[in-house]
Amino acid sequence: MPFFGACAMRACLSPVVPSRPGSPFPMTSAAELRSGKTHRDENFPVASFIIHPRHRTLILSFYNFVRTADDIADHATLTPSEKLAYLDLLDAELQGQGDTQAEAVNLRRALAERGMPPRHALDLLIAFRMDVTKLRYENWDELIHYCRYSAMPVGRFVLDVHGESTSTWAASDAICAGLQINNHLQDCAKDYRELNRVYLPRDTLAASGATVEMLGEAAAPAPLATCLHALAERNATLLDEGRPLGGQIRDFRLGLEISIIQAFADRIVRMLRVRDPLRERVHLSPLEMLGLMIGAAASEVARRASGRRAMPNRSAAHDA
C-alpha cells in the first residue's frame, strides 16, 4: 500500500470509478461489492447491546464503511487498479468530495454530528491499500506496522467515541493488533489460497523450516505447525500487554465490552497454540461465546466494584 505521500496525492485527484467486469455499465456504488458479511459475523462484538444506544449509530456507520472497504480490497474479480480506484473514491467522499457512496456519506455525516474528524477511517484505508499491493511480510515488525493501520484505528475510534483519554491507546493498540493477528492465523490458508496474501512473517517461516507453499496443504506439515504455534505464543504475549485497558476505561459499558473482547481473544489464541487452522476452523461456537461473555462481564463487574486493577493473565493465555 502506498503511504502518506501517495495518499495525499490521491486525495487531490478525481477518482475514476471502474466498470463491473463483464458489464458495459459503470459500477457507481462500492456497496454493490460487499461480501454480505455483517457486524454479526465478526469474532468480537460490534456495537452490541452493551454499548450505550447513543453510540451505536456512529459505530455501525464506521463499521459499514470499513467493511465495504475491506470487501473491496479482498474482492475476487476486481483488478488491483480497480480496487485502488474504489478505495480512493471512498477516501474522497469521506472527506466531502462527492455524495455517491452511501457508506462514506453516512459516516461523514455521523462524524460531523459528533464533531469528530475521519482520521481513524482514513488510517484504515491505508491498510486496505496495503492489502492490494503488499502480499508478503518480512518480519514481526512489518506485521505490527500493518496492524497500526488495519487494527489499531478501530480501537482508537471507539475510545474517541466514548470520550476516553488518548493515554488508553497503547493498551488498546495491543489488543487490536492481537485480534488482527489471531485473525491472520485463523485464516492463513484461506488468505493464501484465495488472495495469495500471506501475513505470516517470512523470517518466522524460515526459522521453523516452513515455506509459504505449505499453506496450500490440507493439513499443516510439522514445520508450518511449529511456525503457527510460535506466532500464537508471541501473540498471546501481545494480547497480555493490553490487559490494563479495562482498568483505564471510565465508561462502564465500554469496560464490559472490552473485557468480553479480551476473553474471546484469549480463548482463540489458546486454541491457535495447539490446533491446525489448515485442517479445522479455529473459531468460537455460539455457546462458547455466551459462556465467555457471561464470565468476562461478571469478572469486570466484580473488579470495578472492588476497585482492583486488571491483572495480566499469562497463565490463562498459555493454557492449551
Protein backbone atom coordinates (compact mmCIF):
# COMPACT_ATOMS: atom_id res chain seq x y z
CA MET A 1 0.00 0.00 0.00
CA PRO A 2 1.32 3.49 -0.78
CA PHE A 3 1.83 5.56 2.33
CA PHE A 4 1.33 9.21 3.29
CA GLY A 5 2.83 11.00 0.29
CA ALA A 6 0.97 8.91 -2.25
CA CYS A 7 -2.24 9.06 -0.24
CA ALA A 8 -2.08 12.85 -0.09
CA MET A 9 -1.53 12.99 -3.83
CA ARG A 10 -4.52 10.73 -4.48
CA ALA A 11 -6.77 12.99 -2.42
CA CYS A 12 -6.07 15.78 -4.92
CA LEU A 13 -7.18 13.67 -7.87
CA SER A 14 -10.69 12.94 -9.07
CA PRO A 15 -11.26 9.20 -8.51
CA VAL A 16 -12.10 7.13 -11.56
CA VAL A 17 -14.92 4.67 -10.97
CA PRO A 18 -14.15 1.34 -12.67
CA SER A 19 -16.63 -0.75 -14.60
CA ARG A 20 -18.05 -4.03 -13.38
CA PRO A 21 -16.08 -6.87 -15.00
CA GLY A 22 -18.09 -8.20 -17.93
CA SER A 23 -20.56 -5.31 -17.83
CA PRO A 24 -20.64 -2.21 -20.05
CA PHE A 25 -22.22 -0.16 -17.25
CA PRO A 26 -20.12 1.64 -14.66
CA MET A 27 -20.27 0.45 -11.09
CA THR A 28 -21.20 3.58 -9.16
CA SER A 29 -21.72 2.11 -5.70
CA ALA A 30 -18.99 0.41 -3.72
CA ALA A 31 -21.76 -1.17 -1.65
CA GLU A 32 -22.51 -3.46 -4.58
CA LEU A 33 -19.14 -5.09 -3.96
CA ARG A 34 -19.95 -6.08 -0.37
CA SER A 35 -19.39 -9.71 0.53
CA GLY A 36 -22.58 -9.92 2.57
CA LYS A 37 -20.66 -10.17 5.85
CA THR A 38 -22.13 -8.04 8.64
CA HIS A 39 -21.15 -6.99 12.15
CA ARG A 40 -22.87 -10.13 13.45
CA ASP A 41 -20.31 -12.34 11.65
CA GLU A 42 -17.22 -10.99 13.40
CA ASN A 43 -15.09 -12.73 16.05
CA PHE A 44 -15.91 -9.96 18.51
CA PRO A 45 -18.98 -7.88 19.39
CA VAL A 46 -19.59 -4.77 17.25
CA ALA A 47 -21.89 -2.13 18.75
CA SER A 48 -23.51 -4.79 20.92
CA PHE A 49 -26.39 -4.15 23.29
CA ILE A 50 -23.79 -3.42 25.98
CA ILE A 51 -22.68 -0.22 24.25
CA HIS A 52 -24.86 2.79 25.07
CA PRO A 53 -27.51 3.36 22.35
CA ARG A 54 -26.27 6.91 21.71
CA HIS A 55 -23.01 5.48 20.30
CA ARG A 56 -24.35 2.61 18.21
CA THR A 57 -25.36 4.53 15.08
CA LEU A 58 -21.92 6.09 14.74
CA ILE A 59 -20.11 2.83 15.45
CA LEU A 60 -22.24 0.94 12.92
CA SER A 61 -21.68 3.68 10.31
CA PHE A 62 -17.95 3.29 10.90
CA TYR A 63 -18.22 -0.50 10.67
CA ASN A 64 -20.20 -0.39 7.41
CA PHE A 65 -17.64 1.95 5.84
CA VAL A 66 -14.75 -0.24 6.96
CA ARG A 67 -16.48 -3.49 5.94
CA THR A 68 -17.15 -2.07 2.47
CA ALA A 69 -13.52 -1.02 2.01
CA ASP A 70 -12.28 -4.37 3.34
CA ASP A 71 -14.51 -6.29 0.93
CA ILE A 72 -13.22 -4.18 -1.97
CA ALA A 73 -9.61 -4.98 -1.06
CA ASP A 74 -10.47 -8.71 -0.89
CA HIS A 75 -12.72 -8.79 -3.97
CA ALA A 76 -12.15 -11.86 -6.13
CA THR A 77 -12.56 -10.31 -9.60
CA LEU A 78 -11.56 -6.65 -9.37
CA THR A 79 -8.07 -5.80 -10.61
CA PRO A 80 -5.64 -4.06 -8.23
CA SER A 81 -6.10 -0.75 -10.07
CA GLU A 82 -9.89 -1.05 -9.78
CA LYS A 83 -9.65 -1.80 -6.07
CA LEU A 84 -7.42 1.22 -5.50
CA ALA A 85 -9.82 3.41 -7.51
CA TYR A 86 -12.74 2.36 -5.31
CA LEU A 87 -10.73 2.91 -2.15
CA ASP A 88 -9.74 6.36 -3.42
CA LEU A 89 -13.40 7.10 -4.13
CA LEU A 90 -14.39 6.17 -0.56
CA ASP A 91 -11.49 8.27 0.74
CA ALA A 92 -12.53 11.30 -1.29
CA GLU A 93 -16.21 11.13 -0.37
CA LEU A 94 -15.47 10.58 3.30
CA GLN A 95 -13.63 13.90 3.13
CA GLY A 96 -16.55 15.65 1.43
CA GLN A 97 -15.61 15.28 -2.23
CA GLY A 98 -18.84 13.77 -3.55
CA ASP A 99 -22.04 12.11 -2.39
CA THR A 100 -22.34 8.90 -4.46
CA GLN A 101 -21.11 6.35 -1.90
CA ALA A 102 -23.63 5.81 0.88
CA GLU A 103 -21.17 4.29 3.37
CA ALA A 104 -18.78 7.24 3.04
CA VAL A 105 -21.55 9.84 3.18
CA ASN A 106 -23.26 8.22 6.17
CA LEU A 107 -20.02 8.04 8.14
CA ARG A 108 -19.05 11.58 7.17
CA ARG A 109 -22.37 12.91 8.44
CA ALA A 110 -22.32 10.80 11.61
CA LEU A 111 -18.82 12.04 12.42
CA ALA A 112 -19.80 15.64 11.73
CA GLU A 113 -22.71 15.36 14.16
CA ARG A 114 -20.23 14.47 16.89
CA GLY A 115 -17.56 16.93 15.77
CA MET A 116 -15.10 14.10 15.08
CA PRO A 117 -12.53 14.01 12.25
CA PRO A 118 -12.29 11.00 9.87
CA ARG A 119 -8.68 10.25 10.85
CA HIS A 120 -9.22 6.66 12.02
CA ALA A 121 -11.23 5.64 8.96
CA LEU A 122 -8.58 7.21 6.71
CA ASP A 123 -5.88 5.23 8.52
CA LEU A 124 -7.81 2.04 7.81
CA LEU A 125 -7.89 2.89 4.12
CA ILE A 126 -4.08 2.87 4.21
CA ALA A 127 -4.24 -0.74 5.37
CA PHE A 128 -6.72 -1.73 2.68
CA ARG A 129 -4.50 -0.21 0.01
CA MET A 130 -1.65 -2.19 1.51
CA ASP A 131 -3.74 -5.35 1.18
CA VAL A 132 -3.97 -4.66 -2.54
CA THR A 133 -0.28 -4.01 -3.13
CA LYS A 134 1.64 -5.89 -0.42
CA LEU A 135 1.32 -9.67 -0.30
CA ARG A 136 4.20 -10.68 2.00
CA TYR A 137 5.68 -9.54 5.34
CA GLU A 138 9.33 -9.96 6.20
CA ASN A 139 9.20 -9.92 10.00
CA TRP A 140 7.08 -9.24 13.08
CA ASP A 141 7.82 -5.52 12.99
CA GLU A 142 6.40 -5.26 9.46
CA LEU A 143 3.30 -7.11 10.59
CA ILE A 144 2.82 -4.76 13.56
CA HIS A 145 3.25 -1.80 11.21
CA TYR A 146 0.41 -3.20 9.13
CA CYS A 147 -1.68 -3.61 12.29
CA ARG A 148 -1.02 0.05 13.06
CA TYR A 149 -3.33 0.84 10.14
CA SER A 150 -5.50 -2.27 9.87
CA ALA A 151 -6.50 -2.75 13.52
CA MET A 152 -5.33 -0.08 15.94
CA PRO A 153 -7.50 2.70 14.43
CA VAL A 154 -10.63 0.68 15.27
CA GLY A 155 -9.89 0.70 18.99
CA ARG A 156 -8.80 4.31 18.93
CA PHE A 157 -12.03 5.28 17.18
CA VAL A 158 -14.22 3.52 19.76
CA LEU A 159 -12.27 5.13 22.59
CA ASP A 160 -12.70 8.55 20.99
CA VAL A 161 -16.44 7.96 20.56
CA HIS A 162 -16.67 7.36 24.30
CA GLY A 163 -14.54 10.37 25.16
CA GLU A 164 -11.75 8.28 26.68
CA SER A 165 -8.22 9.61 27.12
CA THR A 166 -5.58 9.02 24.46
CA SER A 167 -3.49 7.53 27.28
CA THR A 168 -5.61 4.39 26.74
CA TRP A 169 -4.37 3.99 23.18
CA ALA A 170 -1.25 1.94 23.98
CA ALA A 171 -3.16 -0.88 25.69
CA SER A 172 -5.92 -0.68 23.10
CA ASP A 173 -3.36 -0.92 20.30
CA ALA A 174 -2.00 -4.16 21.78
CA ILE A 175 -5.46 -5.74 21.99
CA CYS A 176 -6.44 -4.64 18.49
CA ALA A 177 -3.19 -5.88 16.96
CA GLY A 178 -3.63 -9.17 18.81
CA LEU A 179 -7.16 -9.55 17.46
CA GLN A 180 -5.86 -8.88 13.95
CA ILE A 181 -3.06 -11.43 14.24
CA ASN A 182 -5.46 -14.01 15.66
CA ASN A 183 -7.49 -13.49 12.50
CA HIS A 184 -4.40 -13.83 10.30
CA LEU A 185 -3.59 -17.17 11.92
CA GLN A 186 -7.18 -18.41 11.73
CA ASP A 187 -7.45 -17.55 8.03
CA CYS A 188 -3.86 -18.15 6.92
CA ALA A 189 -4.76 -20.92 4.46
CA LYS A 190 -7.77 -19.08 3.03
CA ASP A 191 -5.79 -15.86 2.58
CA TYR A 192 -3.07 -17.75 0.70
CA ARG A 193 -5.35 -19.86 -1.47
CA GLU A 194 -7.87 -17.17 -2.38
CA LEU A 195 -5.80 -13.97 -2.32
CA ASN A 196 -2.15 -15.10 -2.46
CA ARG A 197 -1.76 -12.99 0.67
CA VAL A 198 0.49 -14.20 3.49
CA TYR A 199 0.71 -12.38 6.81
CA LEU A 200 3.00 -14.98 8.44
CA PRO A 201 6.40 -13.26 8.66
CA ARG A 202 8.96 -14.75 6.29
CA ASP A 203 11.67 -14.88 8.96
CA THR A 204 9.45 -16.91 11.31
CA LEU A 205 8.56 -19.30 8.49
CA ALA A 206 12.25 -19.73 7.66
CA ALA A 207 13.25 -20.23 11.30
CA SER A 208 10.77 -23.12 11.51
CA GLY A 209 11.85 -24.61 8.20
CA ALA A 210 8.43 -23.84 6.71
CA THR A 211 7.56 -22.43 3.31
CA VAL A 212 4.68 -20.33 2.04
CA GLU A 213 3.63 -23.16 -0.27
CA MET A 214 2.83 -25.33 2.76
CA LEU A 215 -0.23 -23.15 3.31
CA GLY A 216 -1.78 -24.89 0.33
CA GLU A 217 -1.74 -28.28 2.06
CA ALA A 218 -4.83 -29.88 3.58
CA ALA A 219 -3.07 -30.04 6.95
CA ALA A 220 -0.08 -28.13 8.24
CA PRO A 221 3.22 -30.02 7.89
CA ALA A 222 5.26 -30.10 11.09
CA PRO A 223 7.46 -27.08 10.24
CA LEU A 224 4.43 -24.93 9.44
CA ALA A 225 2.63 -26.07 12.59
CA THR A 226 5.71 -25.04 14.59
CA CYS A 227 5.64 -21.62 12.93
CA LEU A 228 1.92 -21.11 13.56
CA HIS A 229 2.16 -22.14 17.19
CA ALA A 230 5.19 -19.88 17.74
CA LEU A 231 3.29 -16.93 16.33
CA ALA A 232 0.31 -17.74 18.55
CA GLU A 233 2.63 -17.78 21.58
CA ARG A 234 4.00 -14.39 20.63
CA ASN A 235 0.53 -13.05 20.05
CA ALA A 236 -0.59 -14.24 23.50
CA THR A 237 2.12 -12.00 24.95
CA LEU A 238 0.94 -9.10 22.80
CA LEU A 239 -2.65 -9.56 23.98
CA ASP A 240 -1.41 -9.61 27.56
CA GLU A 241 0.10 -6.16 27.02
CA GLY A 242 -3.44 -4.89 26.53
CA ARG A 243 -4.66 -6.29 29.84
CA PRO A 244 -4.52 -2.93 31.69
CA LEU A 245 -7.04 -1.35 29.32
CA GLY A 246 -10.12 -2.34 31.32
CA GLY A 247 -8.80 -0.52 34.37
CA GLN A 248 -8.09 2.61 32.33
CA ILE A 249 -11.61 2.92 30.90
CA ARG A 250 -14.05 5.24 32.65
CA ASP A 251 -17.19 4.20 30.75
CA PHE A 252 -18.70 1.18 32.49
CA ARG A 253 -20.42 -0.24 29.41
CA LEU A 254 -17.29 0.08 27.30
CA GLY A 255 -15.28 -1.59 30.06
CA LEU A 256 -17.66 -4.56 29.91
CA GLU A 257 -17.36 -4.74 26.13
CA ILE A 258 -13.57 -4.69 26.29
CA SER A 259 -13.46 -7.42 28.92
CA ILE A 260 -15.60 -9.64 26.68
CA ILE A 261 -13.47 -8.94 23.60
CA GLN A 262 -10.33 -9.77 25.58
CA ALA A 263 -11.87 -13.04 26.78
CA PHE A 264 -12.74 -14.01 23.21
CA ALA A 265 -9.23 -13.17 22.02
CA ASP A 266 -7.59 -15.11 24.86
CA ARG A 267 -9.64 -18.21 24.12
CA ILE A 268 -8.90 -18.08 20.40
CA VAL A 269 -5.17 -17.64 20.91
CA ARG A 270 -5.16 -20.62 23.30
CA MET A 271 -6.75 -22.73 20.57
CA LEU A 272 -4.27 -21.45 17.99
CA ARG A 273 -1.37 -22.57 20.19
CA VAL A 274 -2.34 -26.21 19.70
CA ARG A 275 -4.67 -26.50 16.71
CA ASP A 276 -4.14 -26.65 12.96
CA PRO A 277 -6.06 -23.87 11.15
CA LEU A 278 -5.40 -25.58 7.80
CA ARG A 279 -7.27 -28.69 8.89
CA GLU A 280 -10.02 -27.22 11.09
CA ARG A 281 -11.89 -24.00 11.73
CA VAL A 282 -10.48 -22.32 14.80
CA HIS A 283 -13.49 -20.30 15.86
CA LEU A 284 -15.69 -19.92 18.92
CA SER A 285 -19.06 -21.62 18.92
CA PRO A 286 -22.13 -19.56 19.95
CA LEU A 287 -22.24 -21.48 23.24
CA GLU A 288 -18.56 -20.75 23.94
CA MET A 289 -19.11 -17.08 23.15
CA LEU A 290 -22.07 -16.91 25.53
CA GLY A 291 -20.14 -18.58 28.34
CA LEU A 292 -17.13 -16.31 27.86
CA MET A 293 -19.38 -13.26 27.68
CA ILE A 294 -21.07 -14.07 30.98
CA GLY A 295 -17.81 -14.91 32.75
CA ALA A 296 -15.97 -11.83 31.48
CA ALA A 297 -18.83 -9.48 32.32
CA ALA A 298 -19.12 -10.90 35.82
CA SER A 299 -15.37 -10.53 36.38
CA GLU A 300 -15.39 -6.95 35.16
CA VAL A 301 -18.32 -6.02 37.38
CA ALA A 302 -16.57 -7.57 40.38
CA ARG A 303 -13.29 -5.87 39.52
CA ARG A 304 -14.90 -2.45 39.28
CA ALA A 305 -16.88 -2.99 42.48
CA SER A 306 -13.72 -3.85 44.40
CA GLY A 307 -11.54 -1.23 42.72
CA ARG A 308 -8.99 -3.82 41.61
CA ARG A 309 -6.80 -3.22 38.58
CA ALA A 310 -6.94 -5.57 35.61
CA MET A 311 -4.11 -8.06 36.07
CA PRO A 312 -2.04 -9.94 33.48
CA ASN A 313 -3.47 -13.30 32.52
CA ARG A 314 -0.31 -15.07 31.41
CA SER A 315 -1.21 -18.48 32.79
CA ALA A 316 -4.62 -18.45 31.09
CA ALA A 317 -3.11 -17.22 27.86
CA HIS A 318 -0.75 -20.18 27.81
CA ASP A 319 -3.11 -22.98 28.76
CA ALA A 320 -3.98 -25.33 25.92
